[in-house]
């Protein structure tokens, strides 16, 4: 029987999805800023830092959502990406 997800699970799933959305656009913005200011160190340091923050947000989301919901979410993302090929 289907149970409605709790607020904690919904927050966790939202954080998981947010982690996918924030990383690469933020690195792109850092790259543009780095080019504009002619400071490659901004991207060199900021890129991996944003990637790490994205992973941290993902892990916090998995913790809140719980293993079962996190695996279900990842399976759906995998299926979606396979269909897009």
Protein backbone atom coordinates (compact mmCIF):
# COMPACT_ATOMS: atom_id res chain seq x y z
CA UNK A 1 0.00 0.00 0.00
CA UNK A 2 1.23 3.50 -0.87
CA UNK A 3 2.03 5.86 1.99
CA UNK A 4 2.33 9.60 1.55
CA UNK A 5 5.97 10.70 2.06
CA UNK A 6 6.72 12.65 5.20
CA UNK A 7 8.02 16.22 5.18
CA UNK A 8 11.50 14.91 6.02
CA UNK A 9 11.46 12.61 2.98
CA UNK A 10 10.25 15.41 0.71
CA UNK A 11 13.02 17.70 1.95
CA UNK A 12 15.54 14.93 1.34
CA UNK A 13 14.32 14.29 -2.22
CA UNK A 14 14.34 18.02 -2.92
CA UNK A 15 17.95 18.25 -1.73
CA UNK A 16 18.92 15.30 -3.94
CA UNK A 17 17.38 16.95 -6.99
CA UNK A 18 18.87 20.33 -6.03
CA UNK A 19 22.35 18.78 -5.91
CA UNK A 20 22.02 17.82 -9.58
CA UNK A 21 20.86 21.29 -10.56
CA UNK A 22 23.35 23.49 -8.69
CA UNK A 23 26.71 22.04 -9.62
CA UNK A 24 27.35 22.55 -13.33
CA UNK A 25 25.54 25.89 -13.76
CA UNK A 26 27.50 27.27 -10.80
CA UNK A 27 30.77 26.04 -12.32
CA UNK A 28 29.77 27.66 -15.63
CA UNK A 29 29.13 30.97 -13.87
CA UNK A 30 32.46 30.70 -12.08
CA UNK A 31 34.11 30.05 -15.45
CA UNK A 32 32.50 33.14 -16.95
CA UNK A 33 33.54 35.27 -13.96
CA UNK A 34 37.04 33.82 -14.18
CA UNK A 35 37.29 34.75 -17.87
CA UNK A 36 35.87 38.22 -17.35
CA UNK A 37 38.21 39.04 -14.47
CA UNK A 38 41.17 37.20 -16.07
CA UNK A 39 41.67 35.26 -12.82
CA UNK A 40 41.90 31.51 -13.56
CA UNK A 41 42.25 30.78 -9.86
CA UNK A 42 38.54 31.57 -9.39
CA UNK A 43 37.60 28.55 -11.51
CA UNK A 44 40.52 26.43 -10.37
CA UNK A 45 39.52 26.73 -6.71
CA UNK A 46 35.80 27.44 -7.05
CA UNK A 47 34.99 24.61 -9.47
CA UNK A 48 36.07 21.72 -7.25
CA UNK A 49 34.65 23.54 -4.24
CA UNK A 50 31.20 23.77 -5.88
CA UNK A 51 31.45 20.13 -6.91
CA UNK A 52 32.14 19.22 -3.29
CA UNK A 53 29.24 21.34 -2.06
CA UNK A 54 26.98 19.58 -4.55
CA UNK A 55 28.05 16.20 -3.19
CA UNK A 56 27.50 17.38 0.37
CA UNK A 57 23.95 18.54 -0.50
CA UNK A 58 23.33 15.16 -2.16
CA UNK A 59 24.52 13.20 0.88
CA UNK A 60 22.40 15.30 3.25
CA UNK A 61 19.43 14.67 0.96
CA UNK A 62 20.05 10.91 1.03
CA UNK A 63 20.23 11.03 4.81
CA UNK A 64 16.90 12.88 5.07
CA UNK A 65 15.10 10.88 2.38
CA UNK A 66 16.29 7.50 3.55
CA UNK A 67 17.86 4.76 1.49
CA UNK A 68 14.70 3.44 -0.18
CA UNK A 69 13.52 6.80 -1.47
CA UNK A 70 17.01 7.82 -2.56
CA UNK A 71 17.45 4.60 -4.58
CA UNK A 72 14.00 5.03 -6.17
CA UNK A 73 14.88 8.60 -7.13
CA UNK A 74 18.20 7.57 -8.65
CA UNK A 75 16.54 4.76 -10.63
CA UNK A 76 14.10 7.25 -12.13
CA UNK A 77 16.92 9.62 -13.08
CA UNK A 78 18.84 6.74 -14.66
CA UNK A 79 15.76 5.65 -16.63
CA UNK A 80 15.15 9.23 -17.77
CA UNK A 81 18.74 9.61 -18.96
CA UNK A 82 18.64 6.29 -20.84
CA UNK A 83 15.47 7.36 -22.66
CA UNK A 84 17.07 10.64 -23.69
CA UNK A 85 19.98 8.92 -25.51
